[in-house]
């Protein structure tokens, strides 16, 4: 991580650089200002993992699959349970030095409190020191600020009550603790 990225603290937003300071642009309308995004809390999710199966390096990285047992989610506009059978197809990449990145690719079926099934797909990365990431299966051994786990979320629902999720741009700050994944999901406004 660069020194510049390390200076940005949680909850901070780095404003765009002035057009006049950009060297590789032809955009010459400094008064054309794009809105700065904000985040609105969607829900907290807790997912219990059932089993971890290592597939190995089949030419695309060291792949494993993790099966989800169940879980819960709750926020101001939706709440419910995670149905069994979802999973994560992750690929592990060793980076420079002692760093490692897990490329995450998950699928969930969320069942709302009022009986609607919502499909949730996440993609993202978990990155940090290899020694720390390899010990995340041990409950309470490491805290979420010792590594970075961030996700992009997409939803699908055909029910009119939850169709609004289909057009949501959402991100999550996430962590793993033993056999549980926890994350706070936010809508980007």
Protein backbone atom coordinates (compact mmCIF):
# COMPACT_ATOMS: atom_id res chain seq x y z
CA UNK A 1 0.00 0.00 0.00
CA UNK A 2 1.35 3.44 -0.87
CA UNK A 3 2.12 6.08 1.75
CA UNK A 4 -0.59 8.24 0.18
CA UNK A 5 -3.23 5.50 0.62
CA UNK A 6 -2.14 4.94 4.22
CA UNK A 7 -2.81 8.61 5.05
CA UNK A 8 -6.51 8.23 4.18
CA UNK A 9 -8.30 7.24 7.38
CA UNK A 10 -11.56 5.23 7.71
CA UNK A 11 -14.58 7.31 6.77
CA UNK A 12 -12.51 9.85 4.83
CA UNK A 13 -13.10 10.64 1.17
CA UNK A 14 -10.29 11.93 -1.01
CA UNK A 15 -11.60 14.71 -3.23
CA UNK A 16 -10.80 14.58 -6.93
CA UNK A 17 -7.75 16.46 -8.11
CA UNK A 18 -8.40 19.79 -9.89
CA UNK A 19 -8.60 19.41 -13.65
CA UNK A 20 -5.78 21.94 -14.02
CA UNK A 21 -3.40 19.57 -12.17
CA UNK A 22 -4.08 16.62 -14.48
CA UNK A 23 -1.49 16.09 -17.20
CA UNK A 24 -3.28 13.52 -19.36
CA UNK A 25 -6.67 15.10 -19.90
CA UNK A 26 -8.36 17.12 -22.59
CA UNK A 27 -11.26 18.04 -20.33
CA UNK A 28 -11.21 21.83 -20.06
CA UNK A 29 -14.36 22.61 -18.08
CA UNK A 30 -13.24 23.24 -14.50
CA UNK A 31 -16.75 24.30 -13.42
CA UNK A 32 -18.17 20.89 -14.43
CA UNK A 33 -18.14 19.23 -11.01
CA UNK A 34 -19.17 15.64 -10.47
CA UNK A 35 -20.97 14.80 -7.21
CA UNK A 36 -18.86 13.25 -4.49
CA UNK A 37 -20.27 9.81 -3.51
CA UNK A 38 -21.55 9.09 -0.03
CA UNK A 39 -22.31 5.82 1.73
CA UNK A 40 -25.60 4.72 3.28
CA UNK A 41 -25.63 1.66 5.56
CA UNK A 42 -27.55 -1.28 4.02
CA UNK A 43 -27.03 -4.15 6.47
CA UNK A 44 -24.64 -6.20 8.54
CA UNK A 45 -24.18 -9.80 7.40
CA UNK A 46 -22.82 -12.78 9.35
CA UNK A 47 -22.15 -15.94 7.34
CA UNK A 48 -21.22 -19.25 8.93
CA UNK A 49 -18.90 -21.36 6.76
CA UNK A 50 -19.32 -25.13 6.69
CA UNK A 51 -16.35 -26.54 4.85
CA UNK A 52 -13.20 -25.43 3.09
CA UNK A 53 -12.02 -27.45 0.07
CA UNK A 54 -8.64 -26.79 -1.52
CA UNK A 55 -8.63 -27.32 -5.29
CA UNK A 56 -5.03 -26.23 -5.89
CA UNK A 57 -3.29 -24.36 -8.68
CA UNK A 58 -5.02 -25.30 -11.91
CA UNK A 59 -3.35 -22.52 -13.85
CA UNK A 60 -5.34 -19.58 -12.45
CA UNK A 61 -3.89 -19.41 -8.94
CA UNK A 62 -4.28 -21.50 -5.79
CA UNK A 63 -8.07 -22.05 -5.76
CA UNK A 64 -10.31 -23.17 -2.92
CA UNK A 65 -14.04 -23.34 -2.43
CA UNK A 66 -15.80 -22.57 0.82
CA UNK A 67 -19.38 -23.75 1.38
CA UNK A 68 -21.71 -21.53 3.42
CA UNK A 69 -23.80 -23.21 6.12
CA UNK A 70 -26.16 -20.37 7.10
CA UNK A 71 -26.17 -16.88 8.52
CA UNK A 72 -28.06 -13.69 9.16
CA UNK A 73 -28.33 -10.16 7.81
CA UNK A 74 -30.07 -7.07 9.11
CA UNK A 75 -30.35 -3.40 8.20
CA UNK A 76 -32.90 -0.58 8.15
CA UNK A 77 -34.65 -1.79 4.94
CA UNK A 78 -34.14 -5.57 4.98
CA UNK A 79 -33.37 -8.45 7.29
CA UNK A 80 -33.42 -12.22 7.23
CA UNK A 81 -31.30 -15.35 6.97
CA UNK A 82 -28.73 -16.81 4.59
CA UNK A 83 -29.86 -20.08 3.06
CA UNK A 84 -27.41 -23.02 3.13
CA UNK A 85 -25.47 -23.91 -0.01
CA UNK A 86 -23.90 -20.62 -1.06
CA UNK A 87 -20.17 -20.54 -1.51
CA UNK A 88 -16.97 -18.65 -2.19
CA UNK A 89 -14.62 -19.60 -5.02
CA UNK A 90 -11.43 -17.86 -3.91
CA UNK A 91 -8.04 -17.73 -5.55
CA UNK A 92 -4.93 -17.01 -3.47
CA UNK A 93 -2.05 -15.00 -4.92
CA UNK A 94 1.28 -14.55 -3.16
CA UNK A 95 2.46 -10.98 -3.72
CA UNK A 96 5.77 -9.22 -3.17
CA UNK A 97 7.53 -10.08 0.05
CA UNK A 98 5.28 -11.37 2.81
CA UNK A 99 2.01 -10.10 1.27
CA UNK A 100 -0.86 -12.24 0.02
CA UNK A 101 -4.18 -11.51 -1.72
CA UNK A 102 -7.27 -13.68 -1.83
CA UNK A 103 -9.53 -12.87 -4.80
CA UNK A 104 -13.06 -13.53 -3.55
CA UNK A 105 -16.06 -14.57 -5.68
CA UNK A 106 -19.16 -15.47 -3.65
CA UNK A 107 -22.82 -16.34 -4.18
CA UNK A 108 -25.53 -16.20 -1.51
CA UNK A 109 -29.27 -16.78 -1.38
CA UNK A 110 -30.72 -14.37 1.15
CA UNK A 111 -34.19 -15.11 2.56
CA UNK A 112 -35.88 -11.99 3.89
CA UNK A 113 -38.05 -11.96 7.01
CA UNK A 114 -41.11 -11.70 4.73
CA UNK A 115 -40.24 -14.71 2.57
CA UNK A 116 -38.46 -13.20 -0.47
CA UNK A 117 -35.33 -14.87 -1.87
CA UNK A 118 -32.65 -12.41 -3.02
CA UNK A 119 -29.54 -13.45 -4.95
CA UNK A 120 -26.35 -11.75 -3.73
CA UNK A 121 -23.02 -11.91 -5.56
CA UNK A 122 -19.84 -10.40 -4.15
CA UNK A 123 -16.40 -9.95 -5.60
CA UNK A 124 -13.42 -8.43 -3.87
CA UNK A 125 -10.10 -9.00 -2.18
CA UNK A 126 -8.69 -9.90 1.20
CA UNK A 127 -5.10 -8.68 1.37
CA UNK A 128 -2.41 -8.46 4.02
CA UNK A 129 0.55 -10.26 5.50
CA UNK A 130 0.56 -13.92 4.52
CA UNK A 131 1.11 -15.09 8.12
CA UNK A 132 -1.99 -13.19 9.29
CA UNK A 133 -4.27 -14.30 6.44
CA UNK A 134 -3.29 -17.93 6.96
CA UNK A 135 -4.36 -17.72 10.63
CA UNK A 136 -7.83 -16.22 10.11
CA UNK A 137 -9.45 -19.64 10.65
CA UNK A 138 -8.43 -19.34 14.31
CA UNK A 139 -11.20 -17.43 16.09
CA UNK A 140 -10.21 -14.08 17.65
CA UNK A 141 -6.52 -14.47 16.70
CA UNK A 142 -6.46 -11.31 14.51
CA UNK A 143 -8.47 -8.11 14.37
CA UNK A 144 -10.00 -6.70 11.15
CA UNK A 145 -7.57 -3.76 11.09
CA UNK A 146 -4.59 -6.13 10.59
CA UNK A 147 -5.59 -6.78 6.96
CA UNK A 148 -7.99 -5.37 4.35
CA UNK A 149 -11.09 -7.20 3.07
CA UNK A 150 -13.34 -5.19 0.75
CA UNK A 151 -16.20 -6.32 -1.46
CA UNK A 152 -18.42 -5.16 -4.32
CA UNK A 153 -22.01 -6.43 -4.02
CA UNK A 154 -24.69 -6.97 -6.70
CA UNK A 155 -28.24 -8.09 -6.02
CA UNK A 156 -31.07 -9.69 -7.99
CA UNK A 157 -34.71 -9.71 -6.93
CA UNK A 158 -37.91 -10.05 -8.93
CA UNK A 159 -40.12 -9.12 -6.00
CA UNK A 160 -41.49 -5.55 -6.23
CA UNK A 161 -40.64 -4.91 -2.57
CA UNK A 162 -36.92 -5.53 -3.16
CA UNK A 163 -36.49 -4.71 -6.84
CA UNK A 164 -34.77 -1.45 -5.80
CA UNK A 165 -31.73 -3.59 -4.89
CA UNK A 166 -31.21 -4.47 -8.59
CA UNK A 167 -29.93 -0.96 -9.33
CA UNK A 168 -27.91 -0.46 -6.14
CA UNK A 169 -24.14 0.06 -6.28
CA UNK A 170 -22.92 -1.43 -3.01
CA UNK A 171 -19.62 -2.08 -1.26
CA UNK A 172 -18.72 -3.75 2.01
CA UNK A 173 -16.01 -3.68 4.61
CA UNK A 174 -15.53 -7.25 5.72
CA UNK A 175 -13.56 -9.54 8.00
CA UNK A 176 -13.18 -13.19 8.82
CA UNK A 177 -13.16 -14.63 12.33
CA UNK A 178 -12.77 -18.38 12.59
CA UNK A 179 -15.54 -20.01 10.56
CA UNK A 180 -17.55 -16.79 10.23
CA UNK A 181 -17.43 -13.94 7.71
CA UNK A 182 -18.87 -10.62 8.87
CA UNK A 183 -19.43 -7.51 6.82
CA UNK A 184 -21.08 -4.12 6.85
CA UNK A 185 -22.65 -3.34 3.49
CA UNK A 186 -23.19 0.20 2.20
CA UNK A 187 -25.05 1.66 -0.75
CA UNK A 188 -22.95 4.14 -2.72
CA UNK A 189 -25.08 7.25 -3.29
